[in-house]
Amino acid sequence: MLNQASLTGELIPVVKTLGDIVYAGTVIYSGMLDVEMTKVGEDTTLGEPIKLV
């Protein structure tokens, strides 16, 4: 179960499966997560607002 509320506003934790997108700033509630990063630093969804400031 993942909490993506900091970026999506979803209040209910979500379940991800192979091939799903996981955002920077996601909190893992249970299980394990193995990801392949496609963006890092200021190129991430979380990094965009930081660039603007």
N, C-alpha and C. Protein backbone atom coordinates (compact mmCIF):
# COMPACT_ATOMS: atom_id res chain seq x y z
N MET A 1 0.85 -1.17 0.00
CA MET A 1 0.00 0.00 0.00
C MET A 1 0.90 1.24 0.00
N LEU A 2 0.56 2.19 -0.85
CA LEU A 2 1.35 3.41 -0.98
C LEU A 2 0.48 4.64 -0.74
N ASN A 3 1.05 5.63 -0.10
CA ASN A 3 0.37 6.90 0.13
C ASN A 3 1.01 7.94 -0.78
N GLN A 4 0.24 8.44 -1.74
CA GLN A 4 0.71 9.46 -2.68
C GLN A 4 0.03 10.79 -2.44
N ALA A 5 -0.57 10.98 -1.27
CA ALA A 5 -1.38 12.16 -0.98
C ALA A 5 -0.62 13.47 -1.13
N SER A 6 0.67 13.47 -0.88
CA SER A 6 1.43 14.72 -0.97
C SER A 6 1.45 15.27 -2.39
N LEU A 7 1.23 14.42 -3.39
CA LEU A 7 1.22 14.87 -4.78
C LEU A 7 -0.14 14.78 -5.45
N THR A 8 -0.90 13.76 -5.12
CA THR A 8 -2.17 13.53 -5.82
C THR A 8 -3.39 13.99 -5.04
N GLY A 9 -3.25 14.13 -3.73
CA GLY A 9 -4.39 14.51 -2.89
C GLY A 9 -5.28 13.33 -2.53
N GLU A 10 -4.96 12.14 -3.02
CA GLU A 10 -5.75 10.95 -2.71
C GLU A 10 -5.61 10.63 -1.23
N LEU A 11 -6.73 10.46 -0.55
CA LEU A 11 -6.69 10.15 0.88
C LEU A 11 -6.56 8.67 1.15
N ILE A 12 -6.92 7.84 0.19
CA ILE A 12 -6.90 6.39 0.37
C ILE A 12 -5.60 5.84 -0.22
N PRO A 13 -4.87 5.02 0.55
CA PRO A 13 -3.65 4.41 0.00
C PRO A 13 -3.96 3.57 -1.24
N VAL A 14 -3.01 3.49 -2.16
CA VAL A 14 -3.22 2.76 -3.40
C VAL A 14 -2.28 1.56 -3.48
N VAL A 15 -2.63 0.61 -4.32
CA VAL A 15 -1.81 -0.57 -4.57
C VAL A 15 -1.22 -0.40 -5.97
N LYS A 16 0.06 -0.64 -6.12
CA LYS A 16 0.72 -0.55 -7.41
C LYS A 16 1.18 -1.93 -7.84
N THR A 17 1.19 -2.16 -9.15
CA THR A 17 1.67 -3.42 -9.69
C THR A 17 2.76 -3.13 -10.71
N LEU A 18 3.36 -4.16 -11.24
CA LEU A 18 4.45 -4.05 -12.19
C LEU A 18 4.07 -3.13 -13.35
N GLY A 19 4.91 -2.14 -13.61
CA GLY A 19 4.68 -1.22 -14.72
C GLY A 19 3.97 0.06 -14.34
N ASP A 20 3.42 0.15 -13.11
CA ASP A 20 2.74 1.37 -12.68
C ASP A 20 3.75 2.46 -12.34
N ILE A 21 3.34 3.71 -12.50
CA ILE A 21 4.18 4.86 -12.15
C ILE A 21 4.07 5.13 -10.66
N VAL A 22 5.20 5.36 -10.01
CA VAL A 22 5.26 5.72 -8.60
C VAL A 22 5.96 7.07 -8.51
N TYR A 23 5.34 8.03 -7.84
CA TYR A 23 5.87 9.39 -7.75
C TYR A 23 6.89 9.55 -6.64
N ALA A 24 7.84 10.47 -6.85
CA ALA A 24 8.76 10.84 -5.78
C ALA A 24 7.93 11.38 -4.63
N GLY A 25 8.31 11.08 -3.41
CA GLY A 25 7.56 11.54 -2.25
C GLY A 25 6.51 10.55 -1.79
N THR A 26 6.40 9.41 -2.48
CA THR A 26 5.45 8.38 -2.09
C THR A 26 5.91 7.71 -0.80
N VAL A 27 4.97 7.43 0.09
CA VAL A 27 5.27 6.75 1.36
C VAL A 27 4.77 5.32 1.27
N ILE A 28 5.63 4.36 1.60
CA ILE A 28 5.26 2.95 1.56
C ILE A 28 4.69 2.55 2.93
N TYR A 29 3.44 2.06 2.95
CA TYR A 29 2.81 1.60 4.19
C TYR A 29 3.11 0.13 4.46
N SER A 30 3.13 -0.68 3.41
CA SER A 30 3.40 -2.10 3.61
C SER A 30 4.00 -2.69 2.35
N GLY A 31 4.74 -3.76 2.51
CA GLY A 31 5.34 -4.44 1.38
C GLY A 31 6.69 -3.86 1.01
N MET A 32 7.16 -4.25 -0.17
CA MET A 32 8.44 -3.79 -0.68
C MET A 32 8.21 -3.13 -2.03
N LEU A 33 9.15 -2.28 -2.41
CA LEU A 33 9.02 -1.56 -3.67
C LEU A 33 10.36 -1.59 -4.40
N ASP A 34 10.34 -2.03 -5.63
CA ASP A 34 11.52 -2.05 -6.48
C ASP A 34 11.18 -1.17 -7.68
N VAL A 35 11.89 -0.06 -7.86
CA VAL A 35 11.54 0.89 -8.91
C VAL A 35 12.71 1.14 -9.85
N GLU A 36 12.39 1.55 -11.05
CA GLU A 36 13.37 2.04 -12.01
C GLU A 36 13.11 3.53 -12.17
N MET A 37 14.10 4.33 -11.87
CA MET A 37 13.91 5.77 -11.91
C MET A 37 14.03 6.28 -13.34
N THR A 38 13.05 7.09 -13.74
CA THR A 38 13.07 7.69 -15.07
C THR A 38 13.37 9.18 -15.01
N LYS A 39 13.19 9.78 -13.84
CA LYS A 39 13.51 11.19 -13.62
C LYS A 39 14.12 11.34 -12.24
N VAL A 40 15.02 12.30 -12.08
CA VAL A 40 15.63 12.55 -10.77
C VAL A 40 15.69 14.05 -10.50
N GLY A 41 15.82 14.38 -9.22
CA GLY A 41 16.02 15.77 -8.81
C GLY A 41 14.92 16.71 -9.26
N GLU A 42 15.31 17.81 -9.88
CA GLU A 42 14.34 18.85 -10.25
C GLU A 42 13.45 18.43 -11.41
N ASP A 43 13.74 17.32 -12.08
CA ASP A 43 12.91 16.84 -13.17
C ASP A 43 11.71 16.04 -12.69
N THR A 44 11.63 15.72 -11.39
CA THR A 44 10.52 14.94 -10.85
C THR A 44 9.31 15.83 -10.61
N THR A 45 8.16 15.19 -10.41
CA THR A 45 6.94 15.92 -10.09
C THR A 45 7.12 16.72 -8.81
N LEU A 46 7.81 16.17 -7.84
CA LEU A 46 8.06 16.86 -6.59
C LEU A 46 9.06 18.01 -6.77
N GLY A 47 9.97 17.89 -7.72
CA GLY A 47 10.99 18.90 -7.97
C GLY A 47 10.49 20.11 -8.74
N GLU A 48 9.41 19.97 -9.50
CA GLU A 48 8.88 21.08 -10.29
C GLU A 48 8.54 22.31 -9.45
N PRO A 49 7.76 22.19 -8.37
CA PRO A 49 7.44 23.38 -7.57
C PRO A 49 8.69 24.00 -6.94
N ILE A 50 9.67 23.16 -6.60
CA ILE A 50 10.89 23.67 -6.00
C ILE A 50 11.63 24.55 -6.99
N LYS A 51 11.64 24.16 -8.28
CA LYS A 51 12.26 24.97 -9.33
C LYS A 51 11.61 26.35 -9.41
N LEU A 52 10.29 26.39 -9.25
CA LEU A 52 9.56 27.65 -9.39
C LEU A 52 9.85 28.62 -8.25
N VAL A 53 10.18 28.09 -7.08
CA VAL A 53 10.49 28.93 -5.93
C VAL A 53 11.91 29.39 -6.06
